[in-house]
């Protein structure tokens, strides 16, 4: 298992950097000794997962990696992978659970599993919501590149949905810091005056792509209940992220593990 993790750590490093790396750079990023790292690189090169430029002696992902990723994408049915977790999340929290996909500067709810309660919050499938509006959007916004966050906050005035909506960019940035620290976002009456929500980001190998959330009436999904269910929603988002191909090798102090620790 340790050998597999080390080999994957090298592959993850090359994939995340998206450029050719020298042996020294790879050893620094993976914290392996030079001899061990070279041995793994040679083996990965032999099977086509890594390729070395003969002139520059720099390493990059090999063609076999593309073959493996295309095989994964052929079998990836997003709905089939998401719905089981929404069902479990709704059963555990007894609130409506749904999945919103990022689309440029907005999010769009795609899949919903409603609460079994007669009194519940309705989620409108396909309705576009700006990433600057509400805690469900904020779960995605918080993990975008800084320049993208700045662009979205400056793009246009944020229209409040309720008197409790957060529209001040400074306050949004404060909430973004909280989301990054805790891995989930809480919204108190931001969507509607009688609705609270909890959301967490979903990642794939390239970054944040969606959010999972629960919503419910304020008398049942209270602020205290939101804080209670925050880690629960975060854990389900983590499981869905793994379904989408986001895996973190936590050993050896890899940079990906540091990134994931802030999200989870």
Protein backbone atom coordinates (compact mmCIF):
# COMPACT_ATOMS: atom_id res chain seq x y z
CA UNK A 1 0.00 0.00 0.00
CA UNK A 2 2.84 2.38 0.81
CA UNK A 3 4.36 1.71 -2.61
CA UNK A 4 1.07 2.40 -4.37
CA UNK A 5 0.61 5.64 -2.45
CA UNK A 6 4.07 6.83 -3.40
CA UNK A 7 3.55 6.04 -7.06
CA UNK A 8 0.20 7.82 -7.03
CA UNK A 9 1.73 10.78 -5.21
CA UNK A 10 4.15 11.29 -8.09
CA UNK A 11 1.35 11.04 -10.65
CA UNK A 12 -0.81 13.47 -8.67
CA UNK A 13 2.08 15.92 -8.45
CA UNK A 14 2.68 15.86 -12.20
CA UNK A 15 -1.04 16.19 -12.93
CA UNK A 16 -1.63 19.07 -10.51
CA UNK A 17 1.34 21.11 -11.76
CA UNK A 18 0.25 20.76 -15.39
CA UNK A 19 3.81 21.32 -16.59
CA UNK A 20 7.05 19.41 -16.97
CA UNK A 21 9.04 18.99 -13.77
CA UNK A 22 12.64 18.10 -13.02
CA UNK A 23 13.64 15.25 -10.74
CA UNK A 24 14.66 17.77 -8.08
CA UNK A 25 11.28 19.53 -8.25
CA UNK A 26 9.42 16.23 -7.93
CA UNK A 27 11.49 15.13 -4.94
CA UNK A 28 10.86 18.46 -3.23
CA UNK A 29 7.11 18.34 -3.81
CA UNK A 30 6.72 14.68 -2.79
CA UNK A 31 9.38 14.80 -0.05
CA UNK A 32 10.93 11.57 -1.29
CA UNK A 33 14.65 10.99 -1.48
CA UNK A 34 16.17 11.28 -4.94
CA UNK A 35 17.00 7.59 -5.42
CA UNK A 36 13.52 6.42 -4.43
CA UNK A 37 11.82 9.03 -6.58
CA UNK A 38 13.94 8.15 -9.60
CA UNK A 39 13.12 4.47 -9.16
CA UNK A 40 9.39 5.17 -9.15
CA UNK A 41 9.66 7.53 -12.13
CA UNK A 42 11.53 4.90 -14.13
CA UNK A 43 8.87 2.28 -13.40
CA UNK A 44 6.03 4.67 -14.25
CA UNK A 45 7.82 5.62 -17.45
CA UNK A 46 8.14 1.94 -18.41
CA UNK A 47 4.36 1.48 -18.28
CA UNK A 48 3.56 4.75 -20.03
CA UNK A 49 2.10 6.73 -17.14
CA UNK A 50 5.06 9.12 -17.10
CA UNK A 51 7.11 10.47 -19.99
CA UNK A 52 10.58 12.04 -19.83
CA UNK A 53 11.77 14.57 -22.35
CA UNK A 54 15.09 13.22 -23.63
CA UNK A 55 16.50 16.70 -24.28
CA UNK A 56 15.46 18.57 -21.15
CA UNK A 57 15.25 15.48 -18.89
CA UNK A 58 12.00 16.89 -17.49
CA UNK A 59 9.05 14.66 -16.57
CA UNK A 60 5.36 14.93 -17.49
CA UNK A 61 2.25 12.72 -17.56
CA UNK A 62 2.46 9.95 -20.15
CA UNK A 63 -0.08 8.86 -22.79
CA UNK A 64 -1.33 5.92 -20.71
CA UNK A 65 -2.76 8.41 -18.21
CA UNK A 66 -5.04 9.78 -20.95
CA UNK A 67 -6.20 6.25 -21.76
CA UNK A 68 -7.08 5.60 -18.12
CA UNK A 69 -8.87 8.93 -17.67
CA UNK A 70 -10.93 8.44 -20.83
CA UNK A 71 -12.01 5.05 -19.52
CA UNK A 72 -13.13 6.64 -16.27
CA UNK A 73 -15.05 9.39 -18.06
CA UNK A 74 -16.89 6.82 -20.19
CA UNK A 75 -18.24 5.17 -17.07
CA UNK A 76 -18.91 8.39 -15.16
CA UNK A 77 -22.62 9.02 -14.91
CA UNK A 78 -22.92 12.01 -12.62
CA UNK A 79 -26.54 11.46 -11.67
CA UNK A 80 -25.99 7.82 -10.75
CA UNK A 81 -23.07 8.79 -8.53
CA UNK A 82 -24.73 11.77 -6.85
CA UNK A 83 -28.28 10.60 -6.16
CA UNK A 84 -27.45 7.84 -3.65
CA UNK A 85 -25.63 10.36 -1.46
CA UNK A 86 -28.47 12.87 -1.70
CA UNK A 87 -30.88 10.17 -0.55
CA UNK A 88 -28.68 9.29 2.43
CA UNK A 89 -28.11 12.93 3.32
CA UNK A 90 -31.83 13.67 3.20
CA UNK A 91 -32.55 10.61 5.35
CA UNK A 92 -29.92 11.54 7.93
CA UNK A 93 -30.86 15.23 8.23
CA UNK A 94 -34.57 14.86 7.38
CA UNK A 95 -34.24 17.92 5.14
CA UNK A 96 -34.27 18.41 1.36
CA UNK A 97 -30.86 17.67 -0.13
CA UNK A 98 -29.71 18.84 -3.55
CA UNK A 99 -26.73 19.14 -5.87
CA UNK A 100 -25.85 22.37 -7.72
CA UNK A 101 -23.34 22.45 -10.57
CA UNK A 102 -21.09 25.42 -11.22
CA UNK A 103 -21.65 27.10 -14.58
CA UNK A 104 -19.25 30.02 -15.10
CA UNK A 105 -20.21 32.64 -12.49
CA UNK A 106 -23.37 30.86 -11.42
CA UNK A 107 -24.65 27.58 -10.04
CA UNK A 108 -27.56 25.50 -11.30
CA UNK A 109 -29.45 22.94 -9.14
CA UNK A 110 -29.62 19.64 -11.02
CA UNK A 111 -30.58 16.85 -8.63
CA UNK A 112 -32.90 17.03 -5.61
CA UNK A 113 -34.07 14.58 -2.98
CA UNK A 114 -36.91 16.10 -1.00
CA UNK A 115 -37.48 15.91 2.74
CA UNK A 116 -40.14 13.46 3.90
CA UNK A 117 -41.75 16.20 6.00
CA UNK A 118 -44.96 17.81 4.79
CA UNK A 119 -43.41 21.22 5.52
CA UNK A 120 -40.29 21.47 3.40
CA UNK A 121 -38.37 23.88 1.20
CA UNK A 122 -38.90 23.57 -2.55
CA UNK A 123 -35.82 23.65 -4.80
CA UNK A 124 -36.32 24.80 -8.37
CA UNK A 125 -34.32 22.61 -10.77
CA UNK A 126 -32.43 24.52 -13.46
CA UNK A 127 -32.73 27.93 -11.81
CA UNK A 128 -29.52 29.92 -12.24
CA UNK A 129 -28.14 31.54 -9.08
CA UNK A 130 -25.08 33.81 -8.98
CA UNK A 131 -22.06 32.49 -7.07
CA UNK A 132 -22.11 35.67 -4.99
CA UNK A 133 -25.64 34.98 -3.70
CA UNK A 134 -26.22 32.84 -0.64
CA UNK A 135 -24.36 30.18 1.30
CA UNK A 136 -24.95 27.42 -1.26
CA UNK A 137 -23.20 29.49 -3.92
CA UNK A 138 -20.57 30.57 -1.40
CA UNK A 139 -19.51 26.94 -0.87
CA UNK A 140 -18.33 27.00 -4.48
CA UNK A 141 -17.11 30.61 -4.56
CA UNK A 142 -14.78 30.07 -1.59
CA UNK A 143 -12.60 27.59 -3.49
CA UNK A 144 -12.23 29.44 -6.77
CA UNK A 145 -8.92 31.17 -7.61
CA UNK A 146 -8.56 34.56 -5.92
CA UNK A 147 -8.63 36.47 -9.20
CA UNK A 148 -11.90 34.78 -10.14
CA UNK A 149 -13.45 35.63 -6.76
CA UNK A 150 -12.39 39.26 -7.16
CA UNK A 151 -13.82 39.41 -10.67
CA UNK A 152 -17.20 38.03 -9.55
CA UNK A 153 -17.44 40.36 -6.56
CA UNK A 154 -16.73 43.38 -8.77
CA UNK A 155 -18.85 42.24 -11.70
CA UNK A 156 -22.16 43.77 -10.67
CA UNK A 157 -24.12 44.78 -7.56
CA UNK A 158 -25.37 41.82 -5.55
CA UNK A 159 -29.16 41.84 -5.35
CA UNK A 160 -30.43 40.70 -1.94
CA UNK A 161 -33.11 37.99 -1.83
CA UNK A 162 -34.07 38.82 1.76
CA UNK A 163 -33.15 41.43 4.38
CA UNK A 164 -30.67 38.86 5.75
CA UNK A 165 -28.83 38.38 2.42
CA UNK A 166 -25.12 39.19 2.54
CA UNK A 167 -24.26 41.65 -0.22
CA UNK A 168 -21.24 43.55 1.12
CA UNK A 169 -18.08 42.15 -0.58
CA UNK A 170 -16.14 42.55 2.68
CA UNK A 171 -18.69 40.45 4.55
CA UNK A 172 -18.70 37.87 1.77
CA UNK A 173 -14.93 37.59 2.00
CA UNK A 174 -15.25 37.09 5.75
CA UNK A 175 -17.70 34.26 5.16
CA UNK A 176 -15.41 32.81 2.49
CA UNK A 177 -12.63 32.56 5.07
CA UNK A 178 -15.02 30.71 7.40
CA UNK A 179 -16.01 28.27 4.64
CA UNK A 180 -12.38 27.52 3.88
CA UNK A 181 -11.62 26.91 7.55
CA UNK A 182 -14.64 24.70 8.27
CA UNK A 183 -15.33 23.15 4.89
CA UNK A 184 -19.00 24.07 4.90
CA UNK A 185 -21.20 27.16 4.60
CA UNK A 186 -24.24 28.14 6.67
CA UNK A 187 -26.96 30.50 5.49
CA UNK A 188 -29.54 31.91 7.88
CA UNK A 189 -32.57 33.26 5.99
CA UNK A 190 -30.40 34.22 3.01
CA UNK A 191 -32.48 32.33 0.43
CA UNK A 192 -35.94 33.05 1.81
CA UNK A 193 -37.12 34.57 5.08
CA UNK A 194 -38.33 31.21 6.40
CA UNK A 195 -35.46 29.06 5.09
CA UNK A 196 -32.00 28.12 6.37
CA UNK A 197 -29.35 26.11 4.55
CA UNK A 198 -26.03 24.30 4.86
CA UNK A 199 -23.73 23.61 1.90
CA UNK A 200 -20.29 22.14 1.14
CA UNK A 201 -18.08 22.12 -1.98
CA UNK A 202 -17.62 19.23 -4.39
CA UNK A 203 -14.33 18.85 -6.27
CA UNK A 204 -12.94 16.85 -9.15
CA UNK A 205 -9.32 16.57 -10.22
CA UNK A 206 -9.31 20.13 -11.57
CA UNK A 207 -10.98 22.03 -8.75
CA UNK A 208 -14.37 22.92 -7.31
CA UNK A 209 -17.26 21.95 -9.60
CA UNK A 210 -20.42 21.91 -7.49
CA UNK A 211 -21.97 22.06 -4.04
CA UNK A 212 -24.17 19.77 -1.99
CA UNK A 213 -26.69 21.39 0.31
CA UNK A 214 -29.60 20.84 2.63
CA UNK A 215 -32.39 23.38 3.03
CA UNK A 216 -35.30 23.50 5.43
CA UNK A 217 -37.73 25.71 7.31
CA UNK A 218 -36.21 27.89 10.02
CA UNK A 219 -38.36 26.38 12.79
CA UNK A 220 -36.85 22.93 12.15
CA UNK A 221 -33.47 23.60 10.51
CA UNK A 222 -32.47 26.10 13.17
CA UNK A 223 -29.10 27.83 13.36
CA UNK A 224 -28.06 25.23 15.96
CA UNK A 225 -29.17 22.41 13.66
CA UNK A 226 -27.24 23.97 10.77
CA UNK A 227 -24.04 23.89 12.80
CA UNK A 228 -24.78 20.31 13.83
CA UNK A 229 -25.30 19.19 10.23
CA UNK A 230 -22.39 21.20 8.79
CA UNK A 231 -19.82 18.39 9.22
CA UNK A 232 -22.39 15.88 7.96
CA UNK A 233 -22.94 17.80 4.72
CA UNK A 234 -19.17 18.29 4.40
CA UNK A 235 -18.56 14.55 4.69
CA UNK A 236 -21.13 13.73 2.02
CA UNK A 237 -19.58 16.33 -0.27
CA UNK A 238 -16.23 14.68 0.30
CA UNK A 239 -17.63 11.29 -0.71
CA UNK A 240 -19.15 12.71 -3.87
CA UNK A 241 -15.82 14.42 -4.66
CA UNK A 242 -14.13 11.04 -4.48
CA UNK A 243 -16.73 9.70 -6.91
CA UNK A 244 -15.77 12.52 -9.25
CA UNK A 245 -12.11 11.54 -9.19
CA UNK A 246 -10.83 13.84 -6.45
CA UNK A 247 -8.43 11.82 -4.31
CA UNK A 248 -5.97 13.18 -1.80
CA UNK A 249 -2.81 11.34 -0.86
CA UNK A 250 -2.41 12.50 2.72
CA UNK A 251 0.95 10.85 3.37
CA UNK A 252 4.31 12.54 2.86
CA UNK A 253 2.95 16.10 3.31
CA UNK A 254 1.86 16.50 -0.29
CA UNK A 255 0.53 19.91 -1.32
CA UNK A 256 -2.78 18.33 -2.31
CA UNK A 257 -3.30 17.17 1.24
CA UNK A 258 -2.87 20.71 2.52
CA UNK A 259 -5.38 21.96 -0.03
CA UNK A 260 -7.89 19.29 0.93
CA UNK A 261 -7.47 19.82 4.66
CA UNK A 262 -8.78 23.36 4.29
CA UNK A 263 -11.78 22.09 2.38
CA UNK A 264 -12.58 19.14 4.54
